[in-house]
Amino acid sequence: PEMLNQNWDRTIWIDLSTKEIVKPDFKDINLDNNVL
């Protein structure tokens, strides 16, 4: 996904394959590899 806003609480993630907007939970994100 592409992170469009660096403010974490307001981060918007775009799934580029489907063009859907997603907002993953922080605990579910691998910070070394932000692939959904």
C-alpha atoms as a PDB file:
ATOM      1  CA  PRO A   1       0.000   0.000   0.000  1.00  0.00           C
ATOM      2  CA  GLU A   2       0.951   3.580  -0.429  1.00  0.00           C
ATOM      3  CA  MET A   3       1.024   5.722   2.680  1.00  0.00           C
ATOM      4  CA  LEU A   4      -0.409   9.116   1.838  1.00  0.00           C
ATOM      5  CA  ASN A   5      -0.248  10.799   5.220  1.00  0.00           C
ATOM      6  CA  GLN A   6       2.663  10.583   7.625  1.00  0.00           C
ATOM      7  CA  ASN A   7       0.508  11.321  10.640  1.00  0.00           C
ATOM      8  CA  TRP A   8      -0.137   7.766  11.779  1.00  0.00           C
ATOM      9  CA  ASP A   9      -3.558   8.405  13.298  1.00  0.00           C
ATOM     10  CA  ARG A  10      -4.747   9.830  10.007  1.00  0.00           C
ATOM     11  CA  THR A  11      -2.908   7.494   7.691  1.00  0.00           C
ATOM     12  CA  ILE A  12      -4.725   6.370   4.578  1.00  0.00           C
ATOM     13  CA  TRP A  13      -3.575   3.246   2.795  1.00  0.00           C
ATOM     14  CA  ILE A  14      -4.431   2.487  -0.796  1.00  0.00           C
ATOM     15  CA  ASP A  15      -4.431  -1.057  -2.090  1.00  0.00           C
ATOM     16  CA  LEU A  16      -2.971  -0.299  -5.498  1.00  0.00           C
ATOM     17  CA  SER A  17      -4.239  -3.530  -7.019  1.00  0.00           C
ATOM     18  CA  THR A  18      -7.876  -2.819  -6.234  1.00  0.00           C
ATOM     19  CA  LYS A  19      -7.745   0.944  -5.613  1.00  0.00           C
ATOM     20  CA  GLU A  20      -9.519   0.366  -2.334  1.00  0.00           C
ATOM     21  CA  ILE A  21      -8.791   2.445   0.730  1.00  0.00           C
ATOM     22  CA  VAL A  22      -7.804   0.424   3.759  1.00  0.00           C
ATOM     23  CA  LYS A  23      -6.928   1.365   7.329  1.00  0.00           C
ATOM     24  CA  PRO A  24      -5.040  -1.517   8.930  1.00  0.00           C
ATOM     25  CA  ASP A  25      -4.863  -1.834  12.690  1.00  0.00           C
ATOM     26  CA  PHE A  26      -1.466  -0.896  14.026  1.00  0.00           C
ATOM     27  CA  LYS A  27      -1.031  -4.244  15.779  1.00  0.00           C
ATOM     28  CA  ASP A  28      -1.601  -6.087  12.495  1.00  0.00           C
ATOM     29  CA  ILE A  29       1.080  -4.248  10.575  1.00  0.00           C
ATOM     30  CA  ASN A  30       4.570  -5.562  10.124  1.00  0.00           C
ATOM     31  CA  LEU A  31       6.533  -2.313  10.220  1.00  0.00           C
ATOM     32  CA  ASP A  32       9.329  -3.816   8.163  1.00  0.00           C
ATOM     33  CA  ASN A  33       7.051  -4.858   5.342  1.00  0.00           C
ATOM     34  CA  ASN A  34       3.820  -2.937   4.914  1.00  0.00           C
ATOM     35  CA  VAL A  35       2.289  -5.298   2.406  1.00  0.00           C
ATOM     36  CA  LEU A  36      -1.342  -6.191   2.880  1.00  0.00           C
END
